[in-house]
Amino acid sequence: MIAAYGKALLAIAFLIPCTSTHRETSDLEDTQFLKLEKVLNFKNASISSGNRFTFPTEHALYGDDGGPGTSNWAGTCATGQEQSPVDVTPYDTYRAVSQRLRFYGVHQVPISTNMTNSGHSVKIKLKTPKPILATGGVLGDKVYEFQSLHFHWGADVYEGAEHTFNSKSLPLECHFVFQREGCKDPTTEKDALVVMAVHYNLGWKNNQVLEPVVKALVSGRLEKPQDFILKSGGIELRDYMPGDLQTYFAYRGSLTTPPCTEGVTWVIFSERQLVSGKQVSKFRRIKDELGLKVEYNYRETQPLNGRRIFLVTPPVKTVYINGI
């Protein structure tokens, strides 16, 4: 009876829009939490790749040369109903409480770090002694393995991040791509991909975690589409992440580049990092396959089409005391 009552309360709580952006806690017991993945329908979300296609080689992905640009992407990019990125309006999100996200191996110092100019972004892959894993929270009991991280930026410091907040953009956004353990084909399997996002506010000081990337950009090693391998040391994945990994926005969306695969679980950490304008400017140095500078590489926000965005916070244990 008590458990049923608790679940009923949670069902109501999930449907009440947030009226503020500050963190709130719940006094419900851990055993009474309704699985957030069921509310979000992540469990039943199927991956949809639509019509696979490739761009003609004479055009840049983001249209810097007068090519197709994001508005002319075809396939699921044009017809999908659960596309990313989206605008996050905290006052219109739904507050939810979930078990904690759990990460394993994020503190490993990489054996080597592979930085790549992919032709439209800067991608980083870490070679670590053991796999880097994530589970729990909105991921439920499924386990996801870290694949790589990459960045999105704009032509100036007033734009660049793909997800916006109250229609306002930020200068830089980093995506951490995870793939479900045992997944063979993320374009056809359910619950195959998770993308975690970190946003950056503009600051006066350089972000020391990004300095190795910036130095590689300044050196010209990443100017053209190619790899640059840092063979020793490197920065552990945890340092790229914010301090608070338990307060985040979650929704069901897609990849933000072709083929814009849907069925992706998005986790957008609420805590932001800092980056200097000077550092962001260095990302604009990379060139695509045509030798054109990639001055911006973000996709415009897409309509929600009835989707809900949840502001997720972890459960808080109740402590009983006899006096102070």
Protein backbone atom coordinates (compact mmCIF):
# COMPACT_ATOMS: atom_id res chain seq x y z
CA MET A 1 0.00 0.00 0.00
CA ILE A 2 2.77 2.41 0.97
CA ALA A 3 4.79 1.49 -2.11
CA ALA A 4 1.78 2.05 -4.35
CA TYR A 5 1.17 5.43 -2.74
CA GLY A 6 4.80 6.40 -3.28
CA LYS A 7 4.65 5.47 -6.95
CA ALA A 8 1.47 7.48 -7.36
CA LEU A 9 3.19 10.51 -5.88
CA LEU A 10 6.11 10.06 -8.23
CA ALA A 11 3.81 9.74 -11.21
CA ILE A 12 2.35 13.11 -10.29
CA ALA A 13 5.77 14.63 -9.61
CA PHE A 14 6.99 13.64 -13.05
CA LEU A 15 4.14 15.57 -14.65
CA ILE A 16 4.54 18.85 -12.77
CA PRO A 17 6.55 21.43 -14.71
CA CYS A 18 9.48 22.98 -12.89
CA THR A 19 8.86 26.42 -11.49
CA SER A 20 12.51 27.13 -10.75
CA THR A 21 15.97 25.99 -11.76
CA HIS A 22 17.43 25.33 -8.32
CA ARG A 23 17.94 21.80 -7.03
CA GLU A 24 15.21 20.19 -4.94
CA THR A 25 15.21 16.98 -2.93
CA SER A 26 12.71 14.25 -2.28
CA ASP A 27 11.88 12.57 1.03
CA LEU A 28 10.60 9.41 -0.65
CA GLU A 29 12.46 6.21 0.15
CA ASP A 30 14.77 4.73 -2.50
CA THR A 31 12.53 1.68 -2.90
CA GLN A 32 9.64 3.86 -3.99
CA PHE A 33 11.30 5.44 -7.02
CA LEU A 34 9.57 4.88 -10.33
CA LYS A 35 12.07 4.00 -13.04
CA LEU A 36 12.66 7.14 -15.03
CA GLU A 37 13.46 5.17 -18.18
CA LYS A 38 9.83 4.02 -18.33
CA VAL A 39 8.56 7.59 -18.10
CA LEU A 40 10.92 8.68 -20.85
CA ASN A 41 10.11 5.61 -22.97
CA PHE A 42 13.82 5.07 -23.52
CA LYS A 43 13.30 1.36 -22.98
CA ASN A 44 10.96 1.09 -25.94
CA ALA A 45 12.64 3.67 -28.16
CA SER A 46 13.84 2.15 -31.40
CA ILE A 47 16.79 3.42 -33.39
CA SER A 48 15.75 4.95 -36.68
CA SER A 49 18.39 5.72 -39.28
CA GLY A 50 16.02 6.53 -42.14
CA ASN A 51 17.52 6.84 -45.58
CA ARG A 52 21.26 6.62 -45.27
CA PHE A 53 23.12 9.04 -47.49
CA THR A 54 26.44 10.74 -47.98
CA PHE A 55 27.23 14.28 -48.97
CA PRO A 56 28.72 15.11 -52.35
CA THR A 57 32.45 15.65 -51.88
CA GLU A 58 32.27 19.16 -53.32
CA HIS A 59 30.21 20.49 -50.41
CA ALA A 60 31.05 21.17 -46.79
CA LEU A 61 28.86 19.63 -44.10
CA TYR A 62 27.79 22.96 -42.60
CA GLY A 63 27.55 24.91 -45.83
CA ASP A 64 30.51 27.28 -45.42
CA ASP A 65 31.15 27.01 -49.16
CA GLY A 66 27.56 27.53 -50.22
CA GLY A 67 26.93 23.80 -50.07
CA PRO A 68 23.93 22.05 -48.55
CA GLY A 69 24.19 23.24 -44.95
CA THR A 70 22.16 21.86 -42.06
CA SER A 71 18.81 23.04 -43.43
CA ASN A 72 19.31 20.86 -46.49
CA TRP A 73 20.32 17.64 -44.76
CA ALA A 74 18.20 14.79 -46.07
CA GLY A 75 16.89 11.46 -44.75
CA THR A 76 15.98 11.28 -41.07
CA CYS A 77 17.65 14.68 -40.57
CA ALA A 78 14.73 16.17 -42.50
CA THR A 79 11.87 13.81 -41.64
CA GLY A 80 12.64 12.68 -38.08
CA GLN A 81 10.29 13.73 -35.30
CA GLU A 82 12.75 13.31 -32.41
CA GLN A 83 15.72 15.32 -33.60
CA SER A 84 18.51 17.03 -31.68
CA PRO A 85 19.66 19.52 -30.52
CA VAL A 86 16.77 21.26 -28.76
CA ASP A 87 16.21 24.40 -26.74
CA VAL A 88 16.10 23.71 -23.01
CA THR A 89 13.72 25.97 -21.11
CA PRO A 90 14.24 25.10 -17.42
CA TYR A 91 10.86 26.50 -16.36
CA ASP A 92 9.12 24.14 -18.80
CA THR A 93 11.05 21.02 -17.87
CA TYR A 94 9.66 18.25 -15.67
CA ARG A 95 11.38 17.49 -12.40
CA ALA A 96 12.31 13.87 -11.83
CA VAL A 97 14.25 11.89 -9.25
CA SER A 98 16.41 8.99 -10.35
CA GLN A 99 19.05 6.70 -8.94
CA ARG A 100 22.58 7.99 -9.37
CA LEU A 101 24.52 7.77 -12.61
CA ARG A 102 27.51 5.52 -12.05
CA PHE A 103 30.79 5.78 -13.92
CA TYR A 104 33.65 3.28 -13.96
CA GLY A 105 37.17 3.90 -15.20
CA VAL A 106 36.84 7.66 -15.69
CA HIS A 107 39.90 8.31 -13.51
CA GLN A 108 42.25 6.20 -15.62
CA VAL A 109 45.23 8.05 -17.07
CA PRO A 110 45.17 7.27 -20.81
CA ILE A 111 47.91 5.12 -22.30
CA SER A 112 47.57 7.34 -25.36
CA THR A 113 45.25 10.09 -26.58
CA ASN A 114 44.16 10.22 -30.21
CA MET A 115 43.09 13.68 -31.39
CA THR A 116 41.43 13.77 -34.80
CA ASN A 117 40.33 16.49 -37.19
CA SER A 118 37.31 14.66 -38.59
CA GLY A 119 36.71 17.32 -41.21
CA HIS A 120 33.91 18.91 -39.21
CA SER A 121 34.99 18.64 -35.57
CA VAL A 122 37.84 17.81 -33.19
CA LYS A 123 37.40 14.28 -31.84
CA ILE A 124 39.30 12.71 -28.97
CA LYS A 125 39.64 8.99 -28.25
CA LEU A 126 41.29 7.69 -25.12
CA LYS A 127 43.15 4.39 -24.97
CA THR A 128 42.83 3.19 -21.38
CA PRO A 129 43.82 -0.04 -19.58
CA LYS A 130 40.14 -0.85 -18.95
CA PRO A 131 36.92 0.25 -20.68
CA ILE A 132 35.24 3.42 -19.43
CA LEU A 133 31.64 2.58 -18.51
CA ALA A 134 28.42 4.34 -17.49
CA THR A 135 25.20 2.93 -16.04
CA GLY A 136 22.39 3.83 -13.64
CA GLY A 137 20.29 6.98 -13.62
CA VAL A 138 18.25 7.33 -16.80
CA LEU A 139 20.34 4.51 -18.29
CA GLY A 140 18.71 1.98 -15.98
CA ASP A 141 20.60 -1.29 -15.65
CA LYS A 142 22.08 -1.07 -19.14
CA VAL A 143 25.83 -0.51 -19.39
CA TYR A 144 27.38 1.85 -21.94
CA GLU A 145 31.00 2.08 -23.01
CA PHE A 146 32.67 5.39 -23.79
CA GLN A 147 33.69 5.78 -27.44
CA SER A 148 34.94 9.32 -27.96
CA LEU A 149 34.30 12.99 -27.28
CA HIS A 150 34.08 15.91 -29.69
CA PHE A 151 33.34 19.63 -29.71
CA HIS A 152 30.89 22.09 -31.29
CA TRP A 153 31.67 25.80 -31.63
CA GLY A 154 30.53 28.93 -33.46
CA ALA A 155 31.86 31.78 -35.56
CA ASP A 156 32.08 33.95 -32.42
CA VAL A 157 31.77 33.56 -28.65
CA TYR A 158 28.04 34.32 -28.71
CA GLU A 159 27.16 31.05 -30.40
CA GLY A 160 28.54 27.57 -30.86
CA ALA A 161 26.81 25.23 -28.44
CA GLU A 162 24.17 23.07 -30.08
CA HIS A 163 21.70 22.89 -27.20
CA THR A 164 20.49 26.31 -26.15
CA PHE A 165 18.99 27.48 -22.85
CA ASN A 166 16.01 29.82 -23.06
CA SER A 167 17.04 30.32 -26.72
CA LYS A 168 20.45 31.60 -25.65
CA SER A 169 23.60 29.92 -26.89
CA LEU A 170 27.00 29.35 -25.30
CA PRO A 171 30.44 29.39 -26.96
CA LEU A 172 31.30 25.68 -26.74
CA GLU A 173 29.68 22.29 -26.19
CA CYS A 174 31.42 18.95 -25.67
CA HIS A 175 29.72 15.63 -26.46
CA PHE A 176 30.69 12.34 -24.82
CA VAL A 177 29.49 9.44 -26.97
CA PHE A 178 28.68 6.11 -25.29
CA GLN A 179 27.54 2.87 -26.95
CA ARG A 180 25.70 0.04 -25.22
CA GLU A 181 27.83 -2.96 -24.37
CA GLY A 182 27.32 -5.76 -26.87
CA CYS A 183 25.77 -3.47 -29.48
CA LYS A 184 26.65 -4.54 -33.02
CA ASP A 185 24.83 -1.90 -35.05
CA PRO A 186 23.65 1.32 -33.32
CA THR A 187 21.54 2.26 -36.35
CA THR A 188 19.20 -0.71 -35.88
CA GLU A 189 19.36 -1.71 -32.21
CA LYS A 190 17.32 -0.26 -29.35
CA ASP A 191 18.91 1.87 -26.64
CA ALA A 192 22.21 1.75 -28.50
CA LEU A 193 23.57 5.26 -27.94
CA VAL A 194 23.91 7.77 -25.14
CA VAL A 195 25.36 11.23 -25.63
CA MET A 196 26.34 13.27 -22.59
CA ALA A 197 26.86 17.00 -23.07
CA VAL A 198 28.88 19.60 -21.20
CA HIS A 199 28.48 23.31 -21.89
CA TYR A 200 31.06 26.04 -21.42
CA ASN A 201 30.56 29.57 -20.18
CA LEU A 202 32.95 32.26 -21.37
CA GLY A 203 35.71 33.01 -18.86
CA TRP A 204 38.87 35.12 -18.63
CA LYS A 205 41.25 32.28 -17.86
CA ASN A 206 42.17 29.38 -20.08
CA ASN A 207 40.65 25.99 -19.33
CA GLN A 208 43.70 23.87 -18.45
CA VAL A 209 42.01 20.60 -19.42
CA LEU A 210 41.54 21.90 -22.97
CA GLU A 211 45.11 23.20 -23.28
CA PRO A 212 46.53 20.01 -24.90
CA VAL A 213 43.82 20.26 -27.55
CA VAL A 214 44.45 23.97 -28.06
CA LYS A 215 48.20 23.39 -28.38
CA ALA A 216 47.61 20.72 -31.03
CA LEU A 217 45.40 23.18 -32.91
CA VAL A 218 47.95 25.99 -32.67
CA SER A 219 50.77 23.70 -33.83
CA GLY A 220 48.92 22.96 -37.05
CA ARG A 221 48.86 19.22 -36.37
CA LEU A 222 45.07 19.21 -36.62
CA GLU A 223 44.68 21.85 -39.33
CA LYS A 224 43.84 19.24 -41.96
CA PRO A 225 41.71 16.09 -41.52
CA GLN A 226 44.18 13.75 -39.83
CA ASP A 227 45.12 12.14 -36.51
CA PHE A 228 47.53 13.37 -33.88
CA ILE A 229 48.48 10.86 -31.21
CA LEU A 230 49.69 11.97 -27.81
CA LYS A 231 51.56 8.81 -26.85
CA SER A 232 52.22 9.45 -23.19
CA GLY A 233 50.18 10.78 -20.32
CA GLY A 234 47.05 12.55 -21.39
CA ILE A 235 44.09 13.78 -19.40
CA GLU A 236 41.64 11.41 -17.73
CA LEU A 237 38.05 11.57 -18.88
CA ARG A 238 36.78 12.71 -15.48
CA ASP A 239 38.65 16.00 -15.87
CA TYR A 240 36.63 16.84 -18.98
CA MET A 241 33.43 16.43 -16.97
CA PRO A 242 31.83 18.84 -14.48
CA GLY A 243 31.98 18.26 -10.74
CA ASP A 244 28.27 17.44 -10.44
CA LEU A 245 27.34 14.43 -12.56
CA GLN A 246 23.99 13.80 -10.86
CA THR A 247 22.00 16.90 -11.84
CA TYR A 248 21.18 16.93 -15.52
CA PHE A 249 18.56 17.39 -18.20
CA ALA A 250 17.47 14.23 -20.02
CA TYR A 251 15.41 13.68 -23.13
CA ARG A 252 15.05 11.37 -26.11
CA GLY A 253 16.64 12.67 -29.32
CA SER A 254 19.08 11.99 -32.12
CA LEU A 255 22.62 12.42 -33.30
CA THR A 256 23.23 16.01 -34.41
CA THR A 257 25.12 15.09 -37.58
CA PRO A 258 24.03 12.91 -40.51
CA PRO A 259 22.48 10.38 -40.53
CA CYS A 260 20.80 12.00 -37.48
CA THR A 261 20.03 8.60 -35.97
CA GLU A 262 17.11 8.75 -33.53
CA GLY A 263 16.57 6.80 -30.31
CA VAL A 264 19.52 8.48 -28.61
CA THR A 265 19.40 9.13 -24.85
CA TRP A 266 20.66 12.64 -24.12
CA VAL A 267 22.15 13.63 -20.76
CA ILE A 268 22.95 17.36 -20.50
CA PHE A 269 24.81 18.17 -17.31
CA SER A 270 23.47 21.30 -15.62
CA GLU A 271 26.87 22.36 -14.25
CA ARG A 272 29.03 24.17 -16.79
CA GLN A 273 32.74 24.52 -17.37
CA LEU A 274 34.67 27.67 -18.30
CA VAL A 275 36.61 28.38 -21.49
CA SER A 276 38.37 31.52 -22.71
CA GLY A 277 37.48 33.24 -25.96
CA LYS A 278 41.07 32.78 -27.08
CA GLN A 279 40.80 29.03 -26.70
CA VAL A 280 37.51 28.83 -28.59
CA SER A 281 39.01 30.81 -31.47
CA LYS A 282 41.64 28.10 -31.97
CA PHE A 283 38.97 25.53 -32.85
CA ARG A 284 38.10 27.62 -35.90
CA ARG A 285 41.55 26.88 -37.31
CA ILE A 286 40.68 23.39 -38.48
CA LYS A 287 39.90 22.82 -42.14
CA ASP A 288 37.65 20.32 -43.85
CA GLU A 289 38.45 17.99 -46.74
CA LEU A 290 38.11 20.91 -49.16
CA GLY A 291 40.64 23.03 -47.30
CA LEU A 292 37.93 25.37 -46.00
CA LYS A 293 37.98 26.59 -42.41
CA VAL A 294 35.32 25.12 -40.16
CA GLU A 295 34.32 28.39 -38.51
CA TYR A 296 31.21 26.84 -36.97
CA ASN A 297 29.88 23.31 -36.66
CA TYR A 298 26.63 23.44 -34.73
CA ARG A 299 23.19 22.39 -35.87
CA GLU A 300 20.18 24.61 -35.27
CA THR A 301 17.76 23.56 -32.53
CA GLN A 302 14.94 21.25 -33.59
CA PRO A 303 11.26 21.19 -32.53
CA LEU A 304 10.36 19.05 -29.53
CA ASN A 305 7.22 17.69 -31.20
CA GLY A 306 5.63 16.87 -27.88
CA ARG A 307 8.72 15.45 -26.20
CA ARG A 308 9.39 16.22 -22.56
CA ILE A 309 12.70 17.34 -21.11
CA PHE A 310 13.35 16.20 -17.55
CA LEU A 311 15.51 17.88 -14.94
CA VAL A 312 16.91 14.90 -13.06
CA THR A 313 18.28 15.00 -9.51
CA PRO A 314 19.50 12.11 -7.34
CA PRO A 315 17.62 10.69 -4.36
CA VAL A 316 18.51 11.98 -0.92
CA LYS A 317 18.56 9.64 2.06
CA THR A 318 16.55 10.62 5.13
CA VAL A 319 18.54 10.80 8.37
CA TYR A 320 16.65 10.61 11.67
CA ILE A 321 18.13 12.23 14.81
CA ASN A 322 16.90 12.38 18.40
CA GLY A 323 18.05 15.94 18.97
CA ILE A 324 20.67 18.54 18.22
